Amino acid sequence: MTSSINRLLLATDFSEWARRAEDYACSLASSWRANLIVMTVLEFPPGLNPDYPVNQHYLTDRTREASGQLAEFKKRATSKGIIVATRMATGLPSEEINAVAKAEESDLIVVGTRGKSGLAHVLLGSTAERVIRTAPCPVLAVHTGKDDASVECGGITLNRILVPVDFSDCSLDALEYAAIVARQAKASIELLHVLEPLSYGLDFTLGHGEERQQKRERLSKRLQELAAALSAAGIAVKSHLRGGVPADSILDEVRTLPGDLIVMGTHGRRGLSHVMAGSVTEAVLRRTSCPVLTVRSPKFSRSHHRLVTMSAT
């Protein structure tokens, strides 16, 4: 296992909703000695004429304001020993963010999501959701409530990482990426599989119970195998099999730990395709205050040796 996270991209609009994401990006860049690109996007829908006087005035004012914000952020981060580059773009935020991530070969994008006290208390339809849906690398979505306190760079630690798995390739890729994060952060991993309640018909026979017990034993064994692979690589790990509704169980688990980070795949058995609507990942993103690292397109180096096998259950 040789992959590491060396290039971070922070996308921010410098609003109060973004400050927590800024803290996380700075803290991770500092502790991981990673390069950090901070970018902001002057939102300008396609089809509008940038030479129209009103639009010119808007872009001039926003460019001046954003330039000052980028310079101030770079000054603060550089004083902490972080290598920072700045980018400014004009257009649709999600498209520009993902374009920069691809061009810069970023390993991780960091974005903020609004808290429940904001005008948009859900993630669906937001810039963050669109970035997650199409990003060329994993995305760390950081929840910010209006009253959340800001912390200085270096004040955030990742000690406990919760990784829900449904044994799909998507969730196992997420676990593989979580292992990289855990090694860099010197964190432990809590593996979780949620066994959903059976939808029984009218025939409540003993066979149903036996079948369910056999399934539980098979899944428990698979979890133990995954845990053993991580443990052999020097990562502290625990595994937990529980019943319930997946999103509810994940949220309860992260509160119980308590967890510092949730790592989830954005495809898999929960019906995710090219959108997140109705998915477990989306439900968790909407309802948790814990940062969620979503893995749609994991970036592993060519010399990377997998810890997690992709064998089916």
C-alpha atoms as a PDB file:
ATOM      1  CA  MET A   1       0.000   0.000   0.000  1.00  0.00           C
ATOM      2  CA  THR A   2       1.881   3.075  -1.244  1.00  0.00           C
ATOM      3  CA  SER A   3      -0.793   5.617  -2.191  1.00  0.00           C
ATOM      4  CA  SER A   4      -0.951   8.842  -0.210  1.00  0.00           C
ATOM      5  CA  ILE A   5      -2.895  12.093  -0.239  1.00  0.00           C
ATOM      6  CA  ASN A   6      -0.513  14.860  -1.280  1.00  0.00           C
ATOM      7  CA  ARG A   7      -2.625  17.342  -3.262  1.00  0.00           C
ATOM      8  CA  LEU A   8      -5.662  18.953  -1.664  1.00  0.00           C
ATOM      9  CA  LEU A   9      -8.120  21.284  -3.381  1.00  0.00           C
ATOM     10  CA  LEU A  10     -10.241  23.550  -1.193  1.00  0.00           C
ATOM     11  CA  ALA A  11     -13.235  25.099  -2.935  1.00  0.00           C
ATOM     12  CA  THR A  12     -14.677  28.023  -0.985  1.00  0.00           C
ATOM     13  CA  ASP A  13     -16.830  31.095  -1.389  1.00  0.00           C
ATOM     14  CA  PHE A  14     -15.393  32.522   1.867  1.00  0.00           C
ATOM     15  CA  SER A  15     -18.854  32.673   3.409  1.00  0.00           C
ATOM     16  CA  GLU A  16     -19.586  31.696   6.997  1.00  0.00           C
ATOM     17  CA  TRP A  17     -20.812  28.362   5.638  1.00  0.00           C
ATOM     18  CA  ALA A  18     -17.363  27.590   4.238  1.00  0.00           C
ATOM     19  CA  ARG A  19     -15.206  28.398   7.239  1.00  0.00           C
ATOM     20  CA  ARG A  20     -15.269  24.920   8.746  1.00  0.00           C
ATOM     21  CA  ALA A  21     -14.205  23.372   5.426  1.00  0.00           C
ATOM     22  CA  GLU A  22     -11.368  25.906   5.289  1.00  0.00           C
ATOM     23  CA  ASP A  23     -10.286  24.775   8.770  1.00  0.00           C
ATOM     24  CA  TYR A  24     -10.274  21.136   7.717  1.00  0.00           C
ATOM     25  CA  ALA A  25      -8.322  21.787   4.532  1.00  0.00           C
ATOM     26  CA  CYS A  26      -5.679  23.769   6.419  1.00  0.00           C
ATOM     27  CA  SER A  27      -5.424  21.235   9.216  1.00  0.00           C
ATOM     28  CA  LEU A  28      -5.083  18.242   6.894  1.00  0.00           C
ATOM     29  CA  ALA A  29      -2.572  20.029   4.653  1.00  0.00           C
ATOM     30  CA  SER A  30      -0.512  20.949   7.713  1.00  0.00           C
ATOM     31  CA  SER A  31      -0.528  17.551   9.398  1.00  0.00           C
ATOM     32  CA  TRP A  32      -0.091  15.586   6.154  1.00  0.00           C
ATOM     33  CA  ARG A  33       2.452  18.040   4.665  1.00  0.00           C
ATOM     34  CA  ALA A  34       0.291  18.177   1.566  1.00  0.00           C
ATOM     35  CA  ASN A  35       0.165  20.923  -1.029  1.00  0.00           C
ATOM     36  CA  LEU A  36      -3.035  22.956  -0.923  1.00  0.00           C
ATOM     37  CA  ILE A  37      -4.816  24.777  -3.720  1.00  0.00           C
ATOM     38  CA  VAL A  38      -7.570  27.138  -2.600  1.00  0.00           C
ATOM     39  CA  MET A  39      -9.998  28.237  -5.276  1.00  0.00           C
ATOM     40  CA  THR A  40     -13.089  30.364  -5.527  1.00  0.00           C
ATOM     41  CA  VAL A  41     -15.525  30.679  -8.394  1.00  0.00           C
ATOM     42  CA  LEU A  42     -17.222  33.859  -9.580  1.00  0.00           C
ATOM     43  CA  GLU A  43     -20.594  32.366 -10.412  1.00  0.00           C
ATOM     44  CA  PHE A  44     -21.572  33.437 -13.905  1.00  0.00           C
ATOM     45  CA  PRO A  45     -24.138  31.375 -15.829  1.00  0.00           C
ATOM     46  CA  PRO A  46     -23.329  30.490 -19.417  1.00  0.00           C
ATOM     47  CA  GLY A  47     -25.139  32.562 -22.001  1.00  0.00           C
ATOM     48  CA  LEU A  48     -24.727  35.887 -20.224  1.00  0.00           C
ATOM     49  CA  ASN A  49     -22.637  38.486 -21.994  1.00  0.00           C
ATOM     50  CA  PRO A  50     -19.602  39.372 -19.810  1.00  0.00           C
ATOM     51  CA  ASP A  51     -19.148  42.597 -21.789  1.00  0.00           C
ATOM     52  CA  TYR A  52     -22.573  43.923 -20.838  1.00  0.00           C
ATOM     53  CA  PRO A  53     -21.983  46.936 -18.506  1.00  0.00           C
ATOM     54  CA  VAL A  54     -23.893  45.504 -15.532  1.00  0.00           C
ATOM     55  CA  ASN A  55     -22.105  42.165 -15.847  1.00  0.00           C
ATOM     56  CA  GLN A  56     -18.761  43.897 -16.251  1.00  0.00           C
ATOM     57  CA  HIS A  57     -19.366  45.838 -13.057  1.00  0.00           C
ATOM     58  CA  TYR A  58     -20.352  42.666 -11.196  1.00  0.00           C
ATOM     59  CA  LEU A  59     -17.303  40.713 -12.379  1.00  0.00           C
ATOM     60  CA  THR A  60     -14.934  43.595 -11.615  1.00  0.00           C
ATOM     61  CA  ASP A  61     -16.247  43.973  -8.065  1.00  0.00           C
ATOM     62  CA  ARG A  62     -16.278  40.236  -7.416  1.00  0.00           C
ATOM     63  CA  THR A  63     -12.785  39.780  -8.847  1.00  0.00           C
ATOM     64  CA  ARG A  64     -11.420  42.492  -6.573  1.00  0.00           C
ATOM     65  CA  GLU A  65     -13.166  41.034  -3.540  1.00  0.00           C
ATOM     66  CA  ALA A  66     -12.149  37.446  -4.287  1.00  0.00           C
ATOM     67  CA  SER A  67      -8.537  38.417  -4.971  1.00  0.00           C
ATOM     68  CA  GLY A  68      -8.307  39.992  -1.546  1.00  0.00           C
ATOM     69  CA  GLN A  69      -9.914  36.964   0.133  1.00  0.00           C
ATOM     70  CA  LEU A  70      -7.549  34.555  -1.621  1.00  0.00           C
ATOM     71  CA  ALA A  71      -4.522  36.639  -0.679  1.00  0.00           C
ATOM     72  CA  GLU A  72      -5.614  36.834   2.956  1.00  0.00           C
ATOM     73  CA  PHE A  73      -6.243  33.075   3.125  1.00  0.00           C
ATOM     74  CA  LYS A  74      -2.837  32.347   1.572  1.00  0.00           C
ATOM     75  CA  LYS A  75      -1.153  34.627   4.092  1.00  0.00           C
ATOM     76  CA  ARG A  76      -2.806  32.851   7.031  1.00  0.00           C
ATOM     77  CA  ALA A  77      -2.049  29.371   5.704  1.00  0.00           C
ATOM     78  CA  THR A  78       1.534  30.166   4.714  1.00  0.00           C
ATOM     79  CA  SER A  79       2.204  31.412   8.251  1.00  0.00           C
ATOM     80  CA  LYS A  80       1.360  27.846   9.368  1.00  0.00           C
ATOM     81  CA  GLY A  81       3.952  26.371   7.019  1.00  0.00           C
ATOM     82  CA  ILE A  82       1.430  25.226   4.401  1.00  0.00           C
ATOM     83  CA  ILE A  83       2.347  25.378   0.721  1.00  0.00           C
ATOM     84  CA  VAL A  84      -0.586  27.186  -0.891  1.00  0.00           C
ATOM     85  CA  ALA A  85      -1.512  28.098  -4.453  1.00  0.00           C
ATOM     86  CA  THR A  86      -4.617  30.090  -5.386  1.00  0.00           C
ATOM     87  CA  ARG A  87      -7.024  29.819  -8.294  1.00  0.00           C
ATOM     88  CA  MET A  88      -9.948  31.940  -9.417  1.00  0.00           C
ATOM     89  CA  ALA A  89     -12.454  30.905 -12.061  1.00  0.00           C
ATOM     90  CA  THR A  90     -15.626  32.274 -13.625  1.00  0.00           C
ATOM     91  CA  GLY A  91     -18.594  30.089 -14.517  1.00  0.00           C
ATOM     92  CA  LEU A  92     -20.659  27.359 -12.872  1.00  0.00           C
ATOM     93  CA  PRO A  93     -19.005  26.493  -9.527  1.00  0.00           C
ATOM     94  CA  SER A  94     -19.295  22.701  -9.685  1.00  0.00           C
ATOM     95  CA  GLU A  95     -17.966  22.536 -13.238  1.00  0.00           C
ATOM     96  CA  GLU A  96     -15.051  24.870 -12.500  1.00  0.00           C
ATOM     97  CA  ILE A  97     -14.137  23.069  -9.278  1.00  0.00           C
ATOM     98  CA  ASN A  98     -14.025  19.671 -10.946  1.00  0.00           C
ATOM     99  CA  ALA A  99     -12.113  21.077 -13.913  1.00  0.00           C
ATOM    100  CA  VAL A 100      -9.391  22.407 -11.611  1.00  0.00           C
ATOM    101  CA  ALA A 101      -9.332  19.140  -9.642  1.00  0.00           C
ATOM    102  CA  LYS A 102      -8.741  17.237 -12.878  1.00  0.00           C
ATOM    103  CA  ALA A 103      -6.144  19.665 -14.237  1.00  0.00           C
ATOM    104  CA  GLU A 104      -4.224  19.734 -10.952  1.00  0.00           C
ATOM    105  CA  GLU A 105      -4.566  15.969 -10.408  1.00  0.00           C
ATOM    106  CA  SER A 106      -5.953  16.600  -6.943  1.00  0.00           C
ATOM    107  CA  ASP A 107      -6.158  13.673  -4.534  1.00  0.00           C
ATOM    108  CA  LEU A 108      -8.993  15.152  -2.482  1.00  0.00           C
ATOM    109  CA  ILE A 109     -11.493  18.010  -2.815  1.00  0.00           C
ATOM    110  CA  VAL A 110     -12.697  19.749   0.352  1.00  0.00           C
ATOM    111  CA  VAL A 111     -16.040  21.583   0.230  1.00  0.00           C
ATOM    112  CA  GLY A 112     -18.472  22.925   2.801  1.00  0.00           C
ATOM    113  CA  THR A 113     -22.169  22.125   3.163  1.00  0.00           C
ATOM    114  CA  ARG A 114     -24.713  24.332   4.799  1.00  0.00           C
ATOM    115  CA  GLY A 115     -26.092  23.580   8.224  1.00  0.00           C
ATOM    116  CA  LYS A 116     -29.763  23.329   9.125  1.00  0.00           C
ATOM    117  CA  SER A 117     -29.887  26.986  10.122  1.00  0.00           C
ATOM    118  CA  GLY A 118     -29.087  28.004   6.540  1.00  0.00           C
ATOM    119  CA  LEU A 119     -31.539  28.803   3.787  1.00  0.00           C
ATOM    120  CA  ALA A 120     -30.718  25.480   2.139  1.00  0.00           C
ATOM    121  CA  HIS A 121     -30.603  22.930   4.948  1.00  0.00           C
ATOM    122  CA  VAL A 122     -30.255  19.981   2.570  1.00  0.00           C
ATOM    123  CA  LEU A 123     -27.349  19.036   0.366  1.00  0.00           C
ATOM    124  CA  LEU A 124     -29.327  17.846  -2.648  1.00  0.00           C
ATOM    125  CA  GLY A 125     -29.114  20.323  -5.510  1.00  0.00           C
ATOM    126  CA  SER A 126     -26.269  22.311  -3.975  1.00  0.00           C
ATOM    127  CA  THR A 127     -22.833  22.968  -5.405  1.00  0.00           C
ATOM    128  CA  ALA A 128     -21.409  20.399  -2.988  1.00  0.00           C
ATOM    129  CA  GLU A 129     -23.796  17.701  -4.238  1.00  0.00           C
ATOM    130  CA  ARG A 130     -22.953  18.407  -7.850  1.00  0.00           C
ATOM    131  CA  VAL A 131     -19.229  18.297  -7.085  1.00  0.00           C
ATOM    132  CA  ILE A 132     -19.630  14.953  -5.307  1.00  0.00           C
ATOM    133  CA  ARG A 133     -21.642  13.529  -8.207  1.00  0.00           C
ATOM    134  CA  THR A 134     -19.046  14.307 -10.889  1.00  0.00           C
ATOM    135  CA  ALA A 135     -15.701  14.814  -9.131  1.00  0.00           C
ATOM    136  CA  PRO A 136     -12.593  13.112 -10.560  1.00  0.00           C
ATOM    137  CA  CYS A 137     -11.395  12.272  -7.027  1.00  0.00           C
ATOM    138  CA  PRO A 138     -12.860  11.728  -3.544  1.00  0.00           C
ATOM    139  CA  VAL A 139     -14.640  14.664  -1.896  1.00  0.00           C
ATOM    140  CA  LEU A 140     -14.633  15.661   1.777  1.00  0.00           C
ATOM    141  CA  ALA A 141     -17.947  17.376   2.550  1.00  0.00           C
ATOM    142  CA  VAL A 142     -17.746  19.373   5.774  1.00  0.00           C
ATOM    143  CA  HIS A 143     -20.965  20.404   7.484  1.00  0.00           C
ATOM    144  CA  THR A 144     -21.078  23.942   8.850  1.00  0.00           C
ATOM    145  CA  GLY A 145     -23.821  25.140  11.131  1.00  0.00           C
ATOM    146  CA  LYS A 146     -24.235  28.855  11.727  1.00  0.00           C
ATOM    147  CA  ASP A 147     -23.028  28.560  15.318  1.00  0.00           C
ATOM    148  CA  ASP A 148     -20.135  26.162  14.670  1.00  0.00           C
ATOM    149  CA  ALA A 149     -16.888  27.458  16.090  1.00  0.00           C
ATOM    150  CA  SER A 150     -13.923  27.986  13.805  1.00  0.00           C
ATOM    151  CA  VAL A 151     -10.577  26.485  14.756  1.00  0.00           C
ATOM    152  CA  GLU A 152      -7.033  27.300  13.816  1.00  0.00           C
ATOM    153  CA  CYS A 153      -5.054  25.229  11.305  1.00  0.00           C
ATOM    154  CA  GLY A 154      -3.773  22.137  13.089  1.00  0.00           C
ATOM    155  CA  GLY A 155      -6.647  22.115  15.592  1.00  0.00           C
ATOM    156  CA  ILE A 156      -8.525  19.238  13.933  1.00  0.00           C
ATOM    157  CA  THR A 157      -7.622  15.596  14.406  1.00  0.00           C
ATOM    158  CA  LEU A 158      -9.008  12.427  12.853  1.00  0.00           C
ATOM    159  CA  ASN A 159      -8.890   9.641  15.407  1.00  0.00           C
ATOM    160  CA  ARG A 160     -11.905   7.459  14.596  1.00  0.00           C
ATOM    161  CA  ILE A 161     -13.126   6.780  11.061  1.00  0.00           C
ATOM    162  CA  LEU A 162     -16.445   5.037  10.430  1.00  0.00           C
ATOM    163  CA  VAL A 163     -16.656   3.068   7.175  1.00  0.00           C
ATOM    164  CA  PRO A 164     -20.056   1.535   6.319  1.00  0.00           C
ATOM    165  CA  VAL A 165     -19.699  -1.335   3.844  1.00  0.00           C
ATOM    166  CA  ASP A 166     -22.288  -3.278   1.873  1.00  0.00           C
ATOM    167  CA  PHE A 167     -19.537  -5.395   0.197  1.00  0.00           C
ATOM    168  CA  SER A 168     -20.157  -3.844  -3.217  1.00  0.00           C
ATOM    169  CA  ASP A 169     -17.062  -2.821  -5.180  1.00  0.00           C
ATOM    170  CA  CYS A 170     -17.988   0.785  -4.488  1.00  0.00           C
ATOM    171  CA  SER A 171     -17.976   0.388  -0.710  1.00  0.00           C
ATOM    172  CA  LEU A 172     -14.767  -1.667  -0.792  1.00  0.00           C
ATOM    173  CA  ASP A 173     -13.064   1.068  -2.815  1.00  0.00           C
ATOM    174  CA  ALA A 174     -14.210   3.504  -0.145  1.00  0.00           C
ATOM    175  CA  LEU A 175     -12.713   1.259   2.530  1.00  0.00           C
ATOM    176  CA  GLU A 176      -9.443   1.072   0.608  1.00  0.00           C
ATOM    177  CA  TYR A 177      -9.324   4.873   0.467  1.00  0.00           C
ATOM    178  CA  ALA A 178     -10.250   5.088   4.153  1.00  0.00           C
ATOM    179  CA  ALA A 179      -7.228   2.916   4.909  1.00  0.00           C
ATOM    180  CA  ILE A 180      -4.999   5.496   3.189  1.00  0.00           C
ATOM    181  CA  VAL A 181      -6.570   8.268   5.269  1.00  0.00           C
ATOM    182  CA  ALA A 182      -6.241   6.213   8.453  1.00  0.00           C
ATOM    183  CA  ARG A 183      -2.545   5.588   7.890  1.00  0.00           C
ATOM    184  CA  GLN A 184      -1.823   9.244   7.177  1.00  0.00           C
ATOM    185  CA  ALA A 185      -3.890  10.428  10.139  1.00  0.00           C
ATOM    186  CA  LYS A 186      -2.814   7.560  12.426  1.00  0.00           C
ATOM    187  CA  ALA A 187      -6.499   6.895  12.987  1.00  0.00           C
ATOM    188  CA  SER A 188      -8.504   3.765  13.728  1.00  0.00           C
ATOM    189  CA  ILE A 189     -11.257   2.370  11.516  1.00  0.00           C
ATOM    190  CA  GLU A 190     -14.672   1.137  12.599  1.00  0.00           C
ATOM    191  CA  LEU A 191     -16.197  -1.177   9.992  1.00  0.00           C
ATOM    192  CA  LEU A 192     -19.974  -1.324   9.909  1.00  0.00           C
ATOM    193  CA  HIS A 193     -22.395  -3.464   7.950  1.00  0.00           C
ATOM    194  CA  VAL A 194     -26.110  -2.932   8.420  1.00  0.00           C
ATOM    195  CA  LEU A 195     -28.257  -6.010   8.029  1.00  0.00           C
ATOM    196  CA  GLU A 196     -31.645  -4.703   6.951  1.00  0.00           C
ATOM    197  CA  PRO A 197     -34.830  -6.203   8.432  1.00  0.00           C
ATOM    198  CA  LEU A 198     -36.399  -8.983   6.407  1.00  0.00           C
ATOM    199  CA  SER A 199     -39.709  -8.273   4.746  1.00  0.00           C
ATOM    200  CA  TYR A 200     -41.561 -11.394   5.831  1.00  0.00           C
ATOM    201  CA  GLY A 201     -44.642 -12.646   4.082  1.00  0.00           C
ATOM    202  CA  LEU A 202     -47.396 -14.585   5.787  1.00  0.00           C
ATOM    203  CA  ASP A 203     -45.295 -17.733   6.149  1.00  0.00           C
ATOM    204  CA  PHE A 204     -43.202 -17.203   9.320  1.00  0.00           C
ATOM    205  CA  THR A 205     -41.412 -20.534   9.170  1.00  0.00           C
ATOM    206  CA  LEU A 206     -38.267 -21.641  10.959  1.00  0.00           C
ATOM    207  CA  GLY A 207     -36.490 -21.659   7.614  1.00  0.00           C
ATOM    208  CA  HIS A 208     -36.555 -17.898   7.521  1.00  0.00           C
ATOM    209  CA  GLY A 209     -34.759 -17.684  10.849  1.00  0.00           C
ATOM    210  CA  GLU A 210     -32.158 -20.240   9.815  1.00  0.00           C
ATOM    211  CA  GLU A 211     -31.540 -18.455   6.523  1.00  0.00           C
ATOM    212  CA  ARG A 212     -31.133 -15.128   8.305  1.00  0.00           C
ATOM    213  CA  GLN A 213     -28.704 -16.628  10.825  1.00  0.00           C
ATOM    214  CA  GLN A 214     -26.631 -18.174   8.042  1.00  0.00           C
ATOM    215  CA  LYS A 215     -26.521 -14.817   6.279  1.00  0.00           C
ATOM    216  CA  ARG A 216     -25.460 -13.072   9.488  1.00  0.00           C
ATOM    217  CA  GLU A 217     -22.659 -15.584  10.019  1.00  0.00           C
ATOM    218  CA  ARG A 218     -21.465 -15.213   6.422  1.00  0.00           C
ATOM    219  CA  LEU A 219     -21.430 -11.419   6.606  1.00  0.00           C
ATOM    220  CA  SER A 220     -19.750 -11.469   9.999  1.00  0.00           C
ATOM    221  CA  LYS A 221     -16.995 -13.656   8.586  1.00  0.00           C
ATOM    222  CA  ARG A 222     -16.523 -11.290   5.650  1.00  0.00           C
ATOM    223  CA  LEU A 223     -16.258  -8.332   8.021  1.00  0.00           C
ATOM    224  CA  GLN A 224     -13.654 -10.199  10.057  1.00  0.00           C
ATOM    225  CA  GLU A 225     -11.653 -10.877   6.893  1.00  0.00           C
ATOM    226  CA  LEU A 226     -11.668  -7.190   5.989  1.00  0.00           C
ATOM    227  CA  ALA A 227     -10.683  -6.251   9.517  1.00  0.00           C
ATOM    228  CA  ALA A 228      -7.833  -8.762   9.477  1.00  0.00           C
ATOM    229  CA  ALA A 229      -6.464  -7.294   6.228  1.00  0.00           C
ATOM    230  CA  LEU A 230      -6.443  -3.805   7.714  1.00  0.00           C
ATOM    231  CA  SER A 231      -4.961  -5.007  10.988  1.00  0.00           C
ATOM    232  CA  ALA A 232      -2.149  -6.784   9.135  1.00  0.00           C
ATOM    233  CA  ALA A 233      -1.259  -3.408   7.593  1.00  0.00           C
ATOM    234  CA  GLY A 234      -0.925  -1.853  11.031  1.00  0.00           C
ATOM    235  CA  ILE A 235      -4.317  -0.118  11.141  1.00  0.00           C
ATOM    236  CA  ALA A 236      -6.320  -0.373  14.354  1.00  0.00           C
ATOM    237  CA  VAL A 237      -9.740  -1.686  13.389  1.00  0.00           C
ATOM    238  CA  LYS A 238     -12.995  -2.929  14.872  1.00  0.00           C
ATOM    239  CA  SER A 239     -15.936  -4.424  13.003  1.00  0.00           C
ATOM    240  CA  HIS A 240     -19.618  -4.302  13.835  1.00  0.00           C
ATOM    241  CA  LEU A 241     -22.637  -6.008  12.297  1.00  0.00           C
ATOM    242  CA  ARG A 242     -25.993  -4.581  13.277  1.00  0.00           C
ATOM    243  CA  GLY A 243     -29.556  -4.613  12.077  1.00  0.00           C
ATOM    244  CA  GLY A 244     -31.714  -1.693  11.126  1.00  0.00           C
ATOM    245  CA  VAL A 245     -32.314   0.943   8.482  1.00  0.00           C
ATOM    246  CA  PRO A 246     -28.902   1.721   6.925  1.00  0.00           C
ATOM    247  CA  ALA A 247     -28.868   5.528   7.179  1.00  0.00           C
ATOM    248  CA  ASP A 248     -30.320   5.535  10.704  1.00  0.00           C
ATOM    249  CA  SER A 249     -27.850   2.885  11.853  1.00  0.00           C
ATOM    250  CA  ILE A 250     -24.875   4.732  10.377  1.00  0.00           C
ATOM    251  CA  LEU A 251     -25.903   7.988  12.051  1.00  0.00           C
ATOM    252  CA  ASP A 252     -26.439   6.244  15.367  1.00  0.00           C
ATOM    253  CA  GLU A 253     -23.075   4.498  15.076  1.00  0.00           C
ATOM    254  CA  VAL A 254     -21.112   7.698  14.423  1.00  0.00           C
ATOM    255  CA  ARG A 255     -22.778   9.347  17.413  1.00  0.00           C
ATOM    256  CA  THR A 256     -22.012   6.347  19.615  1.00  0.00           C
ATOM    257  CA  LEU A 257     -18.301   6.141  18.719  1.00  0.00           C
ATOM    258  CA  PRO A 258     -18.178   9.198  18.512  1.00  0.00           C
ATOM    259  CA  GLY A 259     -16.653   9.366  15.038  1.00  0.00           C
ATOM    260  CA  ASP A 260     -14.495  12.080  13.503  1.00  0.00           C
ATOM    261  CA  LEU A 261     -15.122  11.108   9.881  1.00  0.00           C
ATOM    262  CA  ILE A 262     -17.460   8.937   7.814  1.00  0.00           C
ATOM    263  CA  VAL A 263     -16.109   7.437   4.582  1.00  0.00           C
ATOM    264  CA  MET A 264     -18.707   6.193   2.091  1.00  0.00           C
ATOM    265  CA  GLY A 265     -18.886   5.106  -1.529  1.00  0.00           C
ATOM    266  CA  THR A 266     -21.331   6.856  -3.832  1.00  0.00           C
ATOM    267  CA  HIS A 267     -22.468   3.807  -5.782  1.00  0.00           C
ATOM    268  CA  GLY A 268     -23.475   0.353  -4.617  1.00  0.00           C
ATOM    269  CA  ARG A 269     -26.430  -1.697  -3.581  1.00  0.00           C
ATOM    270  CA  ARG A 270     -28.474   1.224  -2.350  1.00  0.00           C
ATOM    271  CA  GLY A 271     -29.594   2.258  -5.802  1.00  0.00           C
ATOM    272  CA  LEU A 272     -27.115   5.039  -6.530  1.00  0.00           C
ATOM    273  CA  SER A 273     -26.457   5.598 -10.211  1.00  0.00           C
ATOM    274  CA  HIS A 274     -25.409   8.965 -11.571  1.00  0.00           C
ATOM    275  CA  VAL A 275     -27.424  10.875  -8.982  1.00  0.00           C
ATOM    276  CA  MET A 276     -27.601  10.700  -5.205  1.00  0.00           C
ATOM    277  CA  ALA A 277     -31.372  11.068  -4.786  1.00  0.00           C
ATOM    278  CA  GLY A 278     -32.778   8.511  -2.372  1.00  0.00           C
ATOM    279  CA  SER A 279     -29.407   7.047  -1.472  1.00  0.00           C
ATOM    280  CA  VAL A 280     -28.012   6.145   1.914  1.00  0.00           C
ATOM    281  CA  THR A 281     -25.047   8.430   1.280  1.00  0.00           C
ATOM    282  CA  GLU A 282     -27.302  11.380   0.590  1.00  0.00           C
ATOM    283  CA  ALA A 283     -29.393  10.669   3.691  1.00  0.00           C
ATOM    284  CA  VAL A 284     -26.258  10.607   5.842  1.00  0.00           C
ATOM    285  CA  LEU A 285     -24.919  13.791   4.248  1.00  0.00           C
ATOM    286  CA  ARG A 286     -28.175  15.582   4.944  1.00  0.00           C
ATOM    287  CA  ARG A 287     -28.483  14.571   8.566  1.00  0.00           C
ATOM    288  CA  THR A 288     -25.033  14.281  10.101  1.00  0.00           C
ATOM    289  CA  SER A 289     -22.822  17.025  11.499  1.00  0.00           C
ATOM    290  CA  CYS A 290     -19.809  14.733  11.043  1.00  0.00           C
ATOM    291  CA  PRO A 291     -17.633  15.313   7.943  1.00  0.00           C
ATOM    292  CA  VAL A 292     -18.336  12.787   5.189  1.00  0.00           C
ATOM    293  CA  LEU A 293     -15.662  11.696   2.731  1.00  0.00           C
ATOM    294  CA  THR A 294     -17.398  10.398  -0.389  1.00  0.00           C
ATOM    295  CA  VAL A 295     -15.529   8.093  -2.741  1.00  0.00           C
ATOM    296  CA  ARG A 296     -16.792   7.871  -6.308  1.00  0.00           C
ATOM    297  CA  SER A 297     -13.493   7.915  -8.192  1.00  0.00           C
ATOM    298  CA  PRO A 298     -10.724   6.709  -5.860  1.00  0.00           C
ATOM    299  CA  LYS A 299      -7.202   7.672  -6.843  1.00  0.00           C
ATOM    300  CA  PHE A 300      -4.665   4.943  -6.226  1.00  0.00           C
ATOM    301  CA  SER A 301      -1.103   5.140  -7.489  1.00  0.00           C
ATOM    302  CA  ARG A 302       0.127   2.625 -10.036  1.00  0.00           C
ATOM    303  CA  SER A 303       2.319   1.027  -7.370  1.00  0.00           C
ATOM    304  CA  HIS A 304      -0.584   0.746  -4.935  1.00  0.00           C
ATOM    305  CA  HIS A 305      -1.122  -2.724  -3.473  1.00  0.00           C
ATOM    306  CA  ARG A 306      -4.696  -3.279  -2.331  1.00  0.00           C
ATOM    307  CA  LEU A 307      -5.410  -4.295   1.214  1.00  0.00           C
ATOM    308  CA  VAL A 308      -9.071  -5.003   0.521  1.00  0.00           C
ATOM    309  CA  THR A 309     -10.042  -7.736  -1.915  1.00  0.00           C
ATOM    310  CA  MET A 310     -13.060  -7.276  -4.162  1.00  0.00           C
ATOM    311  CA  SER A 311     -14.418 -10.796  -3.724  1.00  0.00           C
ATOM    312  CA  ALA A 312     -18.187 -11.155  -3.479  1.00  0.00           C
ATOM    313  CA  THR A 313     -20.005 -12.240  -0.377  1.00  0.00           C
END
